[in-house]
Amino acid sequence: MATGTAHVAVTANTALDNTKWDCQDESAGTGTAGTANTWTDNLGGTSPPAGLCSPPPTTDQPGHHHKKHEKKHHKQDPCTCQKHPKAF
């Protein structure tokens, strides 16, 4: 937000990987994080002043894989089969 803005509600935006700041408010006041505006539920990595936006939640959790759980079927080595030695 630019200098001189006031009483602006900035809600539910996503701003990621911008050159300098993801969320920025140059207004002065007593709103969110010391601005004259209100910032709510915004996603971003960096902001002056701090607290205007929050980092997005991570989707990768330790111990979880994005692939479907698959059963692994191991084929028996045909040279070690004693029950049907000529089947292979």
PDB file of N, CA and C in Angstrom:
ATOM      1  N   MET A   1       0.846  -1.159   0.000  1.00  0.00           N
ATOM      2  CA  MET A   1       0.000   0.000   0.000  1.00  0.00           C
ATOM      3  C   MET A   1       0.901   1.235   0.000  1.00  0.00           C
ATOM      4  N   ALA A   2       0.460   2.240  -0.649  1.00  0.00           N
ATOM      5  CA  ALA A   2       1.243   3.463  -0.795  1.00  0.00           C
ATOM      6  C   ALA A   2       1.118   4.370   0.422  1.00  0.00           C
ATOM      7  N   THR A   3       2.069   5.253   0.555  1.00  0.00           N
ATOM      8  CA  THR A   3       2.024   6.267   1.603  1.00  0.00           C
ATOM      9  C   THR A   3       0.740   7.072   1.455  1.00  0.00           C
ATOM     10  N   GLY A   4       0.073   7.330   2.567  1.00  0.00           N
ATOM     11  CA  GLY A   4      -1.147   8.126   2.537  1.00  0.00           C
ATOM     12  C   GLY A   4      -2.429   7.320   2.454  1.00  0.00           C
ATOM     13  N   THR A   5      -2.337   6.016   2.216  1.00  0.00           N
ATOM     14  CA  THR A   5      -3.557   5.210   2.202  1.00  0.00           C
ATOM     15  C   THR A   5      -4.000   4.956   3.640  1.00  0.00           C
ATOM     16  N   ALA A   6      -5.283   4.763   3.827  1.00  0.00           N
ATOM     17  CA  ALA A   6      -5.803   4.491   5.170  1.00  0.00           C
ATOM     18  C   ALA A   6      -7.139   3.779   5.071  1.00  0.00           C
ATOM     19  N   HIS A   7      -7.399   2.930   6.047  1.00  0.00           N
ATOM     20  CA  HIS A   7      -8.677   2.215   6.171  1.00  0.00           C
ATOM     21  C   HIS A   7      -8.946   1.284   4.981  1.00  0.00           C
ATOM     22  N   VAL A   8      -7.897   0.751   4.388  1.00  0.00           N
ATOM     23  CA  VAL A   8      -8.040  -0.211   3.291  1.00  0.00           C
ATOM     24  C   VAL A   8      -7.910  -1.610   3.883  1.00  0.00           C
ATOM     25  N   ALA A   9      -8.843  -2.488   3.536  1.00  0.00           N
ATOM     26  CA  ALA A   9      -8.788  -3.879   3.986  1.00  0.00           C
ATOM     27  C   ALA A   9      -8.118  -4.706   2.896  1.00  0.00           C
ATOM     28  N   VAL A  10      -6.997  -5.323   3.224  1.00  0.00           N
ATOM     29  CA  VAL A  10      -6.269  -6.195   2.304  1.00  0.00           C
ATOM     30  C   VAL A  10      -6.473  -7.608   2.829  1.00  0.00           C
ATOM     31  N   THR A  11      -7.276  -8.404   2.112  1.00  0.00           N
ATOM     32  CA  THR A  11      -7.712  -9.686   2.647  1.00  0.00           C
ATOM     33  C   THR A  11      -7.555 -10.818   1.640  1.00  0.00           C
ATOM     34  N   ALA A  12      -7.010 -11.939   2.109  1.00  0.00           N
ATOM     35  CA  ALA A  12      -6.936 -13.209   1.376  1.00  0.00           C
ATOM     36  C   ALA A  12      -6.234 -13.094   0.032  1.00  0.00           C
ATOM     37  N   ASN A  13      -5.070 -12.480   0.023  1.00  0.00           N
ATOM     38  CA  ASN A  13      -4.252 -12.391  -1.189  1.00  0.00           C
ATOM     39  C   ASN A  13      -3.037 -13.299  -1.064  1.00  0.00           C
ATOM     40  N   THR A  14      -2.486 -13.686  -2.199  1.00  0.00           N
ATOM     41  CA  THR A  14      -1.248 -14.454  -2.223  1.00  0.00           C
ATOM     42  C   THR A  14      -0.243 -13.708  -3.078  1.00  0.00           C
ATOM     43  N   ALA A  15       0.921 -13.436  -2.515  1.00  0.00           N
ATOM     44  CA  ALA A  15       2.006 -12.766  -3.225  1.00  0.00           C
ATOM     45  C   ALA A  15       3.298 -13.468  -2.841  1.00  0.00           C
ATOM     46  N   LEU A  16       3.905 -14.180  -3.775  1.00  0.00           N
ATOM     47  CA  LEU A  16       5.097 -14.963  -3.474  1.00  0.00           C
ATOM     48  C   LEU A  16       6.212 -14.685  -4.472  1.00  0.00           C
ATOM     49  N   ASP A  17       7.438 -14.762  -3.985  1.00  0.00           N
ATOM     50  CA  ASP A  17       8.645 -14.683  -4.818  1.00  0.00           C
ATOM     51  C   ASP A  17       8.768 -13.377  -5.592  1.00  0.00           C
ATOM     52  N   ASN A  18       8.352 -12.279  -4.995  1.00  0.00           N
ATOM     53  CA  ASN A  18       8.533 -10.975  -5.631  1.00  0.00           C
ATOM     54  C   ASN A  18       9.972 -10.500  -5.442  1.00  0.00           C
ATOM     55  N   THR A  19      10.395  -9.542  -6.249  1.00  0.00           N
ATOM     56  CA  THR A  19      11.776  -9.102  -6.241  1.00  0.00           C
ATOM     57  C   THR A  19      12.237  -8.587  -4.885  1.00  0.00           C
ATOM     58  N   LYS A  20      11.477  -7.685  -4.270  1.00  0.00           N
ATOM     59  CA  LYS A  20      11.908  -7.110  -3.000  1.00  0.00           C
ATOM     60  C   LYS A  20      11.028  -7.563  -1.840  1.00  0.00           C
ATOM     61  N   TRP A  21       9.735  -7.288  -1.891  1.00  0.00           N
ATOM     62  CA  TRP A  21       8.803  -7.634  -0.822  1.00  0.00           C
ATOM     63  C   TRP A  21       7.565  -8.301  -1.415  1.00  0.00           C
ATOM     64  N   ASP A  22       7.004  -9.243  -0.685  1.00  0.00           N
ATOM     65  CA  ASP A  22       5.750  -9.855  -1.125  1.00  0.00           C
ATOM     66  C   ASP A  22       4.556  -9.001  -0.686  1.00  0.00           C
ATOM     67  N   CYS A  23       4.575  -8.515   0.532  1.00  0.00           N
ATOM     68  CA  CYS A  23       3.516  -7.656   1.073  1.00  0.00           C
ATOM     69  C   CYS A  23       4.184  -6.400   1.618  1.00  0.00           C
ATOM     70  N   GLN A  24       3.689  -5.239   1.229  1.00  0.00           N
ATOM     71  CA  GLN A  24       4.323  -3.991   1.669  1.00  0.00           C
ATOM     72  C   GLN A  24       3.260  -2.939   1.949  1.00  0.00           C
ATOM     73  N   ASP A  25       3.439  -2.229   3.041  1.00  0.00           N
ATOM     74  CA  ASP A  25       2.523  -1.148   3.394  1.00  0.00           C
ATOM     75  C   ASP A  25       3.345   0.021   3.920  1.00  0.00           C
ATOM     76  N   GLU A  26       3.324   1.127   3.202  1.00  0.00           N
ATOM     77  CA  GLU A  26       4.090   2.316   3.587  1.00  0.00           C
ATOM     78  C   GLU A  26       3.238   3.346   4.320  1.00  0.00           C
ATOM     79  N   SER A  27       1.976   3.009   4.593  1.00  0.00           N
ATOM     80  CA  SER A  27       1.121   3.932   5.344  1.00  0.00           C
ATOM     81  C   SER A  27       1.575   3.952   6.804  1.00  0.00           C
ATOM     82  N   ALA A  28       1.207   4.952   7.506  1.00  0.00           N
ATOM     83  CA  ALA A  28       1.532   5.033   8.932  1.00  0.00           C
ATOM     84  C   ALA A  28       0.222   5.069   9.712  1.00  0.00           C
ATOM     85  N   GLY A  29       0.169   4.331  10.787  1.00  0.00           N
ATOM     86  CA  GLY A  29      -1.059   4.310  11.564  1.00  0.00           C
ATOM     87  C   GLY A  29      -1.046   3.247  12.622  1.00  0.00           C
ATOM     88  N   THR A  30      -2.214   2.875  13.088  1.00  0.00           N
ATOM     89  CA  THR A  30      -2.323   1.910  14.177  1.00  0.00           C
ATOM     90  C   THR A  30      -3.011   0.620  13.747  1.00  0.00           C
ATOM     91  N   GLY A  31      -3.137   0.395  12.453  1.00  0.00           N
ATOM     92  CA  GLY A  31      -3.763  -0.841  11.962  1.00  0.00           C
ATOM     93  C   GLY A  31      -2.826  -2.027  12.126  1.00  0.00           C
ATOM     94  N   THR A  32      -3.009  -3.040  11.314  1.00  0.00           N
ATOM     95  CA  THR A  32      -2.194  -4.242  11.373  1.00  0.00           C
ATOM     96  C   THR A  32      -0.724  -3.901  11.199  1.00  0.00           C
ATOM     97  N   ALA A  33       0.105  -4.385  12.113  1.00  0.00           N
ATOM     98  CA  ALA A  33       1.566  -4.214  12.073  1.00  0.00           C
ATOM     99  C   ALA A  33       1.983  -2.752  11.986  1.00  0.00           C
ATOM    100  N   GLY A  34       1.204  -1.851  12.581  1.00  0.00           N
ATOM    101  CA  GLY A  34       1.577  -0.448  12.602  1.00  0.00           C
ATOM    102  C   GLY A  34       1.274   0.318  11.334  1.00  0.00           C
ATOM    103  N   THR A  35       0.332  -0.141  10.547  1.00  0.00           N
ATOM    104  CA  THR A  35      -0.067   0.554   9.325  1.00  0.00           C
ATOM    105  C   THR A  35      -1.438   1.185   9.510  1.00  0.00           C
ATOM    106  N   ALA A  36      -1.837   2.003   8.557  1.00  0.00           N
ATOM    107  CA  ALA A  36      -3.168   2.619   8.606  1.00  0.00           C
ATOM    108  C   ALA A  36      -4.205   1.727   7.918  1.00  0.00           C
ATOM    109  N   ASN A  37      -3.785   0.550   7.484  1.00  0.00           N
ATOM    110  CA  ASN A  37      -4.654  -0.386   6.759  1.00  0.00           C
ATOM    111  C   ASN A  37      -4.759  -1.695   7.537  1.00  0.00           C
ATOM    112  N   THR A  38      -5.691  -2.529   7.162  1.00  0.00           N
ATOM    113  CA  THR A  38      -5.892  -3.806   7.836  1.00  0.00           C
ATOM    114  C   THR A  38      -5.541  -4.948   6.884  1.00  0.00           C
ATOM    115  N   TRP A  39      -4.618  -5.809   7.307  1.00  0.00           N
ATOM    116  CA  TRP A  39      -4.165  -6.954   6.520  1.00  0.00           C
ATOM    117  C   TRP A  39      -4.643  -8.227   7.214  1.00  0.00           C
ATOM    118  N   THR A  40      -5.390  -9.062   6.483  1.00  0.00           N
ATOM    119  CA  THR A  40      -5.947 -10.278   7.068  1.00  0.00           C
ATOM    120  C   THR A  40      -5.815 -11.451   6.099  1.00  0.00           C
ATOM    121  N   ASP A  41      -5.301 -12.578   6.592  1.00  0.00           N
ATOM    122  CA  ASP A  41      -5.229 -13.837   5.831  1.00  0.00           C
ATOM    123  C   ASP A  41      -4.511 -13.700   4.491  1.00  0.00           C
ATOM    124  N   ASN A  42      -3.402 -12.985   4.458  1.00  0.00           N
ATOM    125  CA  ASN A  42      -2.612 -12.837   3.240  1.00  0.00           C
ATOM    126  C   ASN A  42      -1.391 -13.747   3.314  1.00  0.00           C
ATOM    127  N   LEU A  43      -1.038 -14.362   2.193  1.00  0.00           N
ATOM    128  CA  LEU A  43       0.108 -15.257   2.126  1.00  0.00           C
ATOM    129  C   LEU A  43       1.256 -14.586   1.392  1.00  0.00           C
ATOM    130  N   GLY A  44       2.434 -14.649   1.979  1.00  0.00           N
ATOM    131  CA  GLY A  44       3.628 -14.087   1.372  1.00  0.00           C
ATOM    132  C   GLY A  44       4.817 -14.389   2.257  1.00  0.00           C
ATOM    133  N   GLY A  45       5.997 -14.304   1.690  1.00  0.00           N
ATOM    134  CA  GLY A  45       7.192 -14.649   2.448  1.00  0.00           C
ATOM    135  C   GLY A  45       7.837 -13.485   3.170  1.00  0.00           C
ATOM    136  N   THR A  46       7.733 -12.270   2.617  1.00  0.00           N
ATOM    137  CA  THR A  46       8.427 -11.121   3.190  1.00  0.00           C
ATOM    138  C   THR A  46       7.500  -9.918   3.250  1.00  0.00           C
ATOM    139  N   SER A  47       7.686  -9.090   4.295  1.00  0.00           N
ATOM    140  CA  SER A  47       6.864  -7.878   4.386  1.00  0.00           C
ATOM    141  C   SER A  47       7.498  -6.840   5.293  1.00  0.00           C
ATOM    142  N   PRO A  48       7.500  -5.569   4.834  1.00  0.00           N
ATOM    143  CA  PRO A  48       7.783  -4.491   5.766  1.00  0.00           C
ATOM    144  C   PRO A  48       6.503  -3.687   5.983  1.00  0.00           C
ATOM    145  N   PRO A  49       6.057  -3.465   7.171  1.00  0.00           N
ATOM    146  CA  PRO A  49       6.569  -4.053   8.397  1.00  0.00           C
ATOM    147  C   PRO A  49       6.210  -5.539   8.488  1.00  0.00           C
ATOM    148  N   ALA A  50       6.907  -6.220   9.360  1.00  0.00           N
ATOM    149  CA  ALA A  50       6.673  -7.658   9.533  1.00  0.00           C
ATOM    150  C   ALA A  50       5.237  -7.913   9.978  1.00  0.00           C
ATOM    151  N   GLY A  51       4.689  -9.056   9.586  1.00  0.00           N
ATOM    152  CA  GLY A  51       3.363  -9.462  10.044  1.00  0.00           C
ATOM    153  C   GLY A  51       2.221  -9.149   9.104  1.00  0.00           C
ATOM    154  N   LEU A  52       2.503  -8.553   7.949  1.00  0.00           N
ATOM    155  CA  LEU A  52       1.417  -8.256   7.005  1.00  0.00           C
ATOM    156  C   LEU A  52       0.912  -9.525   6.329  1.00  0.00           C
ATOM    157  N   CYS A  53       1.814 -10.463   6.088  1.00  0.00           N
ATOM    158  CA  CYS A  53       1.426 -11.719   5.437  1.00  0.00           C
ATOM    159  C   CYS A  53       2.158 -12.862   6.120  1.00  0.00           C
ATOM    160  N   SER A  54       1.643 -14.051   5.916  1.00  0.00           N
ATOM    161  CA  SER A  54       2.210 -15.259   6.511  1.00  0.00           C
ATOM    162  C   SER A  54       2.708 -16.177   5.409  1.00  0.00           C
ATOM    163  N   PRO A  55       3.740 -16.967   5.683  1.00  0.00           N
ATOM    164  CA  PRO A  55       4.207 -17.924   4.677  1.00  0.00           C
ATOM    165  C   PRO A  55       3.118 -18.947   4.374  1.00  0.00           C
ATOM    166  N   PRO A  56       3.056 -19.422   3.130  1.00  0.00           N
ATOM    167  CA  PRO A  56       2.060 -20.445   2.804  1.00  0.00           C
ATOM    168  C   PRO A  56       2.366 -21.740   3.543  1.00  0.00           C
ATOM    169  N   PRO A  57       1.349 -22.541   3.831  1.00  0.00           N
ATOM    170  CA  PRO A  57       1.596 -23.815   4.499  1.00  0.00           C
ATOM    171  C   PRO A  57       2.354 -24.754   3.580  1.00  0.00           C
ATOM    172  N   THR A  58       3.199 -25.569   4.167  1.00  0.00           N
ATOM    173  CA  THR A  58       3.928 -26.545   3.367  1.00  0.00           C
ATOM    174  C   THR A  58       3.045 -27.758   3.136  1.00  0.00           C
ATOM    175  N   THR A  59       3.164 -28.352   1.975  1.00  0.00           N
ATOM    176  CA  THR A  59       2.352 -29.521   1.647  1.00  0.00           C
ATOM    177  C   THR A  59       3.135 -30.806   1.855  1.00  0.00           C
ATOM    178  N   ASP A  60       4.446 -30.706   1.952  1.00  0.00           N
ATOM    179  CA  ASP A  60       5.271 -31.894   2.120  1.00  0.00           C
ATOM    180  C   ASP A  60       5.516 -32.128   3.598  1.00  0.00           C
ATOM    181  N   GLN A  61       5.049 -33.255   4.109  1.00  0.00           N
ATOM    182  CA  GLN A  61       5.223 -33.584   5.506  1.00  0.00           C
ATOM    183  C   GLN A  61       6.178 -34.747   5.612  1.00  0.00           C
ATOM    184  N   PRO A  62       7.065 -34.732   6.606  1.00  0.00           N
ATOM    185  CA  PRO A  62       7.991 -35.856   6.774  1.00  0.00           C
ATOM    186  C   PRO A  62       7.230 -37.166   6.927  1.00  0.00           C
ATOM    187  N   GLY A  63       7.711 -38.180   6.239  1.00  0.00           N
ATOM    188  CA  GLY A  63       7.093 -39.493   6.340  1.00  0.00           C
ATOM    189  C   GLY A  63       5.926 -39.719   5.405  1.00  0.00           C
ATOM    190  N   HIS A  64       5.541 -38.720   4.640  1.00  0.00           N
ATOM    191  CA  HIS A  64       4.439 -38.871   3.704  1.00  0.00           C
ATOM    192  C   HIS A  64       4.967 -38.695   2.289  1.00  0.00           C
ATOM    193  N   HIS A  65       4.395 -39.435   1.389  1.00  0.00           N
ATOM    194  CA  HIS A  65       4.804 -39.363  -0.008  1.00  0.00           C
ATOM    195  C   HIS A  65       3.601 -38.953  -0.840  1.00  0.00           C
ATOM    196  N   HIS A  66       3.861 -38.265  -1.931  1.00  0.00           N
ATOM    197  CA  HIS A  66       2.784 -37.821  -2.801  1.00  0.00           C
ATOM    198  C   HIS A  66       2.281 -38.946  -3.697  1.00  0.00           C
ATOM    199  N   LYS A  67       3.064 -40.008  -3.827  1.00  0.00           N
ATOM    200  CA  LYS A  67       2.642 -41.136  -4.653  1.00  0.00           C
ATOM    201  C   LYS A  67       1.657 -41.999  -3.875  1.00  0.00           C
ATOM    202  N   LYS A  68       0.811 -42.689  -4.601  1.00  0.00           N
ATOM    203  CA  LYS A  68      -0.097 -43.625  -3.949  1.00  0.00           C
ATOM    204  C   LYS A  68       0.716 -44.746  -3.329  1.00  0.00           C
ATOM    205  N   HIS A  69       0.200 -45.258  -2.240  1.00  0.00           N
ATOM    206  CA  HIS A  69       0.875 -46.391  -1.621  1.00  0.00           C
ATOM    207  C   HIS A  69       0.678 -47.602  -2.514  1.00  0.00           C
ATOM    208  N   GLU A  70       1.780 -48.169  -2.894  1.00  0.00           N
ATOM    209  CA  GLU A  70       1.728 -49.322  -3.789  1.00  0.00           C
ATOM    210  C   GLU A  70       2.406 -50.499  -3.113  1.00  0.00           C
ATOM    211  N   LYS A  71       1.809 -51.668  -3.299  1.00  0.00           N
ATOM    212  CA  LYS A  71       2.457 -52.872  -2.818  1.00  0.00           C
ATOM    213  C   LYS A  71       3.558 -53.230  -3.802  1.00  0.00           C
ATOM    214  N   LYS A  72       4.682 -53.582  -3.262  1.00  0.00           N
ATOM    215  CA  LYS A  72       5.777 -53.994  -4.121  1.00  0.00           C
ATOM    216  C   LYS A  72       5.755 -55.504  -4.225  1.00  0.00           C
ATOM    217  N   HIS A  73       5.678 -55.996  -5.437  1.00  0.00           N
ATOM    218  CA  HIS A  73       5.688 -57.428  -5.674  1.00  0.00           C
ATOM    219  C   HIS A  73       7.066 -57.811  -6.155  1.00  0.00           C
ATOM    220  N   HIS A  74       7.705 -58.653  -5.388  1.00  0.00           N
ATOM    221  CA  HIS A  74       9.042 -59.095  -5.753  1.00  0.00           C
ATOM    222  C   HIS A  74       8.926 -60.432  -6.464  1.00  0.00           C
ATOM    223  N   LYS A  75       9.484 -60.493  -7.635  1.00  0.00           N
ATOM    224  CA  LYS A  75       9.490 -61.758  -8.362  1.00  0.00           C
ATOM    225  C   LYS A  75      10.626 -62.618  -7.837  1.00  0.00           C
ATOM    226  N   GLN A  76      10.309 -63.877  -7.692  1.00  0.00           N
ATOM    227  CA  GLN A  76      11.320 -64.804  -7.215  1.00  0.00           C
ATOM    228  C   GLN A  76      12.297 -65.105  -8.338  1.00  0.00           C
ATOM    229  N   ASP A  77      13.538 -65.217  -7.970  1.00  0.00           N
ATOM    230  CA  ASP A  77      14.568 -65.581  -8.938  1.00  0.00           C
ATOM    231  C   ASP A  77      14.255 -66.988  -9.452  1.00  0.00           C
ATOM    232  N   PRO A  78      14.090 -67.157 -10.781  1.00  0.00           N
ATOM    233  CA  PRO A  78      13.725 -68.483 -11.321  1.00  0.00           C
ATOM    234  C   PRO A  78      14.756 -69.556 -11.020  1.00  0.00           C
ATOM    235  N   CYS A  79      15.970 -69.201 -10.767  1.00  0.00           N
ATOM    236  CA  CYS A  79      17.004 -70.197 -10.478  1.00  0.00           C
ATOM    237  C   CYS A  79      16.870 -70.781  -9.075  1.00  0.00           C
ATOM    238  N   THR A  80      16.113 -70.129  -8.204  1.00  0.00           N
ATOM    239  CA  THR A  80      16.005 -70.614  -6.826  1.00  0.00           C
ATOM    240  C   THR A  80      14.691 -71.341  -6.557  1.00  0.00           C
ATOM    241  N   CYS A  81      13.833 -71.462  -7.547  1.00  0.00           N
ATOM    242  CA  CYS A  81      12.553 -72.127  -7.333  1.00  0.00           C
ATOM    243  C   CYS A  81      12.759 -73.632  -7.270  1.00  0.00           C
ATOM    244  N   GLN A  82      12.381 -74.222  -6.144  1.00  0.00           N
ATOM    245  CA  GLN A  82      12.532 -75.667  -5.967  1.00  0.00           C
ATOM    246  C   GLN A  82      11.226 -76.403  -6.258  1.00  0.00           C
ATOM    247  N   LYS A  83      10.114 -75.710  -6.147  1.00  0.00           N
ATOM    248  CA  LYS A  83       8.813 -76.361  -6.345  1.00  0.00           C
ATOM    249  C   LYS A  83       8.538 -76.639  -7.801  1.00  0.00           C
ATOM    250  N   HIS A  84       8.832 -75.695  -8.679  1.00  0.00           N
ATOM    251  CA  HIS A  84       8.574 -75.840 -10.106  1.00  0.00           C
ATOM    252  C   HIS A  84       9.854 -75.504 -10.880  1.00  0.00           C
ATOM    253  N   PRO A  85      10.863 -76.332 -10.803  1.00  0.00           N
ATOM    254  CA  PRO A  85      12.154 -75.975 -11.406  1.00  0.00           C
ATOM    255  C   PRO A  85      12.082 -75.794 -12.924  1.00  0.00           C
ATOM    256  N   LYS A  86      11.169 -76.428 -13.617  1.00  0.00           N
ATOM    257  CA  LYS A  86      11.111 -76.315 -15.072  1.00  0.00           C
ATOM    258  C   LYS A  86      10.044 -75.336 -15.542  1.00  0.00           C
ATOM    259  N   ALA A  87       9.378 -74.671 -14.594  1.00  0.00           N
ATOM    260  CA  ALA A  87       8.305 -73.746 -14.948  1.00  0.00           C
ATOM    261  C   ALA A  87       8.858 -72.455 -15.525  1.00  0.00           C
ATOM    262  N   PHE A  88      10.129 -72.211 -15.389  1.00  0.00           N
ATOM    263  CA  PHE A  88      10.687 -70.938 -15.850  1.00  0.00           C
ATOM    264  C   PHE A  88      11.524 -71.136 -17.060  1.00  0.00           C
TER     265      PHE A  88
END
